[in-house]
N, C-alpha and C. Protein backbone atom coordinates (compact mmCIF):
# COMPACT_ATOMS: atom_id res chain seq x y z
N MET A 1 13.60 -48.58 -36.05
CA MET A 1 12.77 -47.47 -35.64
C MET A 1 11.43 -47.59 -36.36
N LYS A 2 10.39 -47.40 -35.61
CA LYS A 2 9.06 -47.48 -36.20
C LYS A 2 8.80 -46.25 -37.05
N GLU A 3 8.24 -46.49 -38.21
CA GLU A 3 7.99 -45.41 -39.17
C GLU A 3 7.09 -44.32 -38.59
N LYS A 4 6.11 -44.71 -37.78
CA LYS A 4 5.16 -43.71 -37.26
C LYS A 4 5.81 -42.73 -36.28
N HIS A 5 6.99 -43.06 -35.77
CA HIS A 5 7.67 -42.17 -34.81
C HIS A 5 8.89 -41.47 -35.43
N LYS A 6 9.09 -41.66 -36.71
CA LYS A 6 10.27 -41.14 -37.37
C LYS A 6 10.40 -39.61 -37.23
N ASP A 7 9.30 -38.89 -37.36
CA ASP A 7 9.34 -37.43 -37.24
C ASP A 7 9.80 -36.99 -35.85
N GLN A 8 9.34 -37.68 -34.81
CA GLN A 8 9.75 -37.33 -33.45
C GLN A 8 11.24 -37.58 -33.25
N PHE A 9 11.75 -38.69 -33.80
CA PHE A 9 13.18 -38.97 -33.67
C PHE A 9 14.00 -37.94 -34.44
N LYS A 10 13.50 -37.48 -35.58
CA LYS A 10 14.20 -36.45 -36.34
C LYS A 10 14.24 -35.13 -35.57
N THR A 11 13.14 -34.80 -34.89
CA THR A 11 13.10 -33.59 -34.08
C THR A 11 14.12 -33.67 -32.96
N ILE A 12 14.16 -34.80 -32.27
CA ILE A 12 15.12 -34.99 -31.19
C ILE A 12 16.55 -34.92 -31.75
N ALA A 13 16.78 -35.56 -32.87
CA ALA A 13 18.11 -35.56 -33.49
C ALA A 13 18.57 -34.14 -33.82
N THR A 14 17.70 -33.37 -34.44
CA THR A 14 18.02 -32.00 -34.82
C THR A 14 18.32 -31.15 -33.59
N ASN A 15 17.49 -31.29 -32.56
CA ASN A 15 17.68 -30.49 -31.34
C ASN A 15 18.92 -30.92 -30.58
N LEU A 16 19.18 -32.22 -30.53
CA LEU A 16 20.39 -32.70 -29.85
C LEU A 16 21.63 -32.10 -30.50
N ARG A 17 21.72 -32.16 -31.81
CA ARG A 17 22.87 -31.61 -32.52
C ARG A 17 22.98 -30.10 -32.31
N ARG A 18 21.86 -29.40 -32.39
CA ARG A 18 21.85 -27.94 -32.21
C ARG A 18 22.33 -27.57 -30.82
N ILE A 19 21.80 -28.24 -29.80
CA ILE A 19 22.17 -27.94 -28.42
C ILE A 19 23.64 -28.26 -28.18
N ARG A 20 24.08 -29.42 -28.68
CA ARG A 20 25.48 -29.82 -28.50
C ARG A 20 26.41 -28.80 -29.15
N ASP A 21 26.09 -28.39 -30.38
CA ASP A 21 26.92 -27.40 -31.06
C ASP A 21 26.92 -26.07 -30.33
N ARG A 22 25.74 -25.64 -29.88
CA ARG A 22 25.62 -24.36 -29.17
C ARG A 22 26.47 -24.35 -27.90
N LYS A 23 26.56 -25.49 -27.25
CA LYS A 23 27.34 -25.58 -26.01
C LYS A 23 28.83 -25.84 -26.27
N GLY A 24 29.18 -26.07 -27.55
CA GLY A 24 30.58 -26.27 -27.90
C GLY A 24 31.12 -27.66 -27.59
N PHE A 25 30.23 -28.63 -27.48
CA PHE A 25 30.65 -30.00 -27.19
C PHE A 25 30.78 -30.80 -28.47
N SER A 26 31.79 -31.65 -28.52
CA SER A 26 31.88 -32.63 -29.60
C SER A 26 31.00 -33.83 -29.22
N GLN A 27 30.77 -34.70 -30.18
CA GLN A 27 30.04 -35.93 -29.86
C GLN A 27 30.78 -36.72 -28.79
N GLN A 28 32.11 -36.73 -28.88
CA GLN A 28 32.91 -37.47 -27.89
C GLN A 28 32.77 -36.85 -26.50
N ASP A 29 32.71 -35.52 -26.43
CA ASP A 29 32.51 -34.85 -25.13
C ASP A 29 31.21 -35.32 -24.49
N VAL A 30 30.14 -35.33 -25.28
CA VAL A 30 28.84 -35.77 -24.76
C VAL A 30 28.90 -37.24 -24.36
N ALA A 31 29.51 -38.05 -25.21
CA ALA A 31 29.63 -39.48 -24.91
C ALA A 31 30.36 -39.70 -23.59
N ASN A 32 31.43 -38.97 -23.36
CA ASN A 32 32.19 -39.10 -22.11
C ASN A 32 31.37 -38.65 -20.91
N ARG A 33 30.59 -37.59 -21.08
CA ARG A 33 29.81 -37.05 -19.97
C ARG A 33 28.66 -37.95 -19.56
N CYS A 34 28.16 -38.78 -20.48
CA CYS A 34 27.01 -39.63 -20.13
C CYS A 34 27.28 -41.11 -20.34
N ASP A 35 28.54 -41.47 -20.58
CA ASP A 35 28.94 -42.87 -20.69
C ASP A 35 28.14 -43.61 -21.76
N ILE A 36 27.99 -42.96 -22.91
CA ILE A 36 27.35 -43.55 -24.08
C ILE A 36 28.39 -43.53 -25.20
N ASP A 37 28.45 -44.57 -25.98
CA ASP A 37 29.40 -44.67 -27.07
C ASP A 37 29.22 -43.51 -28.06
N ARG A 38 30.33 -42.92 -28.52
CA ARG A 38 30.26 -41.80 -29.45
C ARG A 38 29.51 -42.17 -30.73
N ALA A 39 29.69 -43.38 -31.19
CA ALA A 39 28.99 -43.82 -32.40
C ALA A 39 27.48 -43.83 -32.18
N LYS A 40 27.04 -44.15 -30.97
CA LYS A 40 25.61 -44.13 -30.66
C LYS A 40 25.09 -42.69 -30.70
N ILE A 41 25.88 -41.76 -30.17
CA ILE A 41 25.50 -40.34 -30.23
C ILE A 41 25.31 -39.94 -31.70
N SER A 42 26.22 -40.36 -32.54
CA SER A 42 26.12 -40.05 -33.97
C SER A 42 24.86 -40.64 -34.59
N ARG A 43 24.57 -41.89 -34.26
CA ARG A 43 23.36 -42.53 -34.81
C ARG A 43 22.10 -41.84 -34.32
N ILE A 44 22.09 -41.40 -33.07
CA ILE A 44 20.92 -40.67 -32.54
C ILE A 44 20.78 -39.33 -33.27
N GLU A 45 21.90 -38.61 -33.45
CA GLU A 45 21.85 -37.32 -34.14
C GLU A 45 21.43 -37.45 -35.60
N ASN A 46 21.60 -38.60 -36.17
CA ASN A 46 21.20 -38.84 -37.55
C ASN A 46 19.86 -39.55 -37.64
N ALA A 47 19.17 -39.66 -36.52
CA ALA A 47 17.87 -40.33 -36.44
C ALA A 47 17.95 -41.72 -37.06
N ALA A 48 19.07 -42.39 -36.84
CA ALA A 48 19.30 -43.70 -37.42
C ALA A 48 19.15 -44.82 -36.39
N GLU A 49 18.88 -44.45 -35.15
CA GLU A 49 18.77 -45.46 -34.11
C GLU A 49 17.67 -45.11 -33.12
N ASP A 50 16.91 -46.11 -32.79
CA ASP A 50 15.92 -46.02 -31.73
C ASP A 50 16.68 -46.00 -30.40
N PHE A 51 16.15 -45.37 -29.38
CA PHE A 51 16.81 -45.36 -28.09
C PHE A 51 15.78 -45.29 -26.98
N MET A 52 16.23 -45.62 -25.79
CA MET A 52 15.33 -45.65 -24.64
C MET A 52 15.22 -44.26 -24.02
N PHE A 53 14.16 -44.07 -23.26
CA PHE A 53 13.94 -42.80 -22.57
C PHE A 53 15.09 -42.49 -21.61
N SER A 54 15.65 -43.52 -21.00
CA SER A 54 16.77 -43.31 -20.08
C SER A 54 17.97 -42.68 -20.79
N THR A 55 18.15 -42.99 -22.06
CA THR A 55 19.22 -42.37 -22.85
C THR A 55 18.95 -40.89 -23.02
N LEU A 56 17.71 -40.52 -23.25
CA LEU A 56 17.34 -39.12 -23.38
C LEU A 56 17.61 -38.37 -22.06
N ILE A 57 17.31 -39.01 -20.97
CA ILE A 57 17.59 -38.42 -19.65
C ILE A 57 19.09 -38.19 -19.48
N GLU A 58 19.89 -39.18 -19.85
CA GLU A 58 21.36 -39.07 -19.75
C GLU A 58 21.88 -37.93 -20.63
N LEU A 59 21.37 -37.84 -21.84
CA LEU A 59 21.80 -36.78 -22.76
C LEU A 59 21.43 -35.40 -22.21
N ALA A 60 20.23 -35.27 -21.69
CA ALA A 60 19.80 -33.99 -21.12
C ALA A 60 20.69 -33.60 -19.94
N SER A 61 21.00 -34.57 -19.11
CA SER A 61 21.87 -34.30 -17.97
C SER A 61 23.27 -33.89 -18.43
N ALA A 62 23.81 -34.59 -19.39
CA ALA A 62 25.16 -34.30 -19.89
C ALA A 62 25.24 -32.91 -20.51
N LEU A 63 24.16 -32.48 -21.16
CA LEU A 63 24.14 -31.17 -21.82
C LEU A 63 23.55 -30.07 -20.94
N GLU A 64 23.12 -30.46 -19.74
CA GLU A 64 22.55 -29.51 -18.77
C GLU A 64 21.36 -28.77 -19.35
N VAL A 65 20.42 -29.54 -19.93
CA VAL A 65 19.18 -29.00 -20.46
C VAL A 65 18.02 -29.84 -19.96
N ASN A 66 16.82 -29.36 -20.19
CA ASN A 66 15.63 -30.13 -19.86
C ASN A 66 15.28 -31.04 -21.03
N ILE A 67 14.66 -32.15 -20.74
CA ILE A 67 14.28 -33.09 -21.79
C ILE A 67 13.39 -32.42 -22.82
N ASP A 68 12.52 -31.53 -22.39
CA ASP A 68 11.62 -30.88 -23.34
C ASP A 68 12.36 -30.05 -24.38
N ASP A 69 13.61 -29.67 -24.11
CA ASP A 69 14.41 -28.95 -25.11
C ASP A 69 14.67 -29.81 -26.34
N PHE A 70 14.68 -31.12 -26.18
CA PHE A 70 14.87 -32.04 -27.30
C PHE A 70 13.59 -32.23 -28.11
N LEU A 71 12.46 -31.96 -27.50
CA LEU A 71 11.17 -32.28 -28.12
C LEU A 71 10.53 -31.12 -28.86
N ARG A 72 11.05 -29.92 -28.67
CA ARG A 72 10.46 -28.73 -29.29
C ARG A 72 10.67 -28.74 -30.79
N GLU A 73 9.59 -28.60 -31.52
CA GLU A 73 9.68 -28.57 -32.97
C GLU A 73 9.97 -27.19 -33.51
N ASP A 74 9.81 -26.17 -32.70
CA ASP A 74 10.00 -24.79 -33.18
C ASP A 74 11.37 -24.26 -32.87
N SER A 75 12.26 -25.07 -32.32
CA SER A 75 13.57 -24.55 -31.92
C SER A 75 14.63 -24.67 -32.98
């Protein structure tokens, strides 16, 4: 992960975990809904892995939210 984008990945990670918890989904639930490995979900939630925009689309679809919900810094 590029250092200059680290803050954005942390924001996405925080929001992903918050949204997932609010909806009552486990990491495995989300992984099953979007066909992404559970370990990858964990790495994304810990801002430990870079990922493609298509992954963000899949996560938003699985959690039934808009992509911008992951990007909000005030949430």
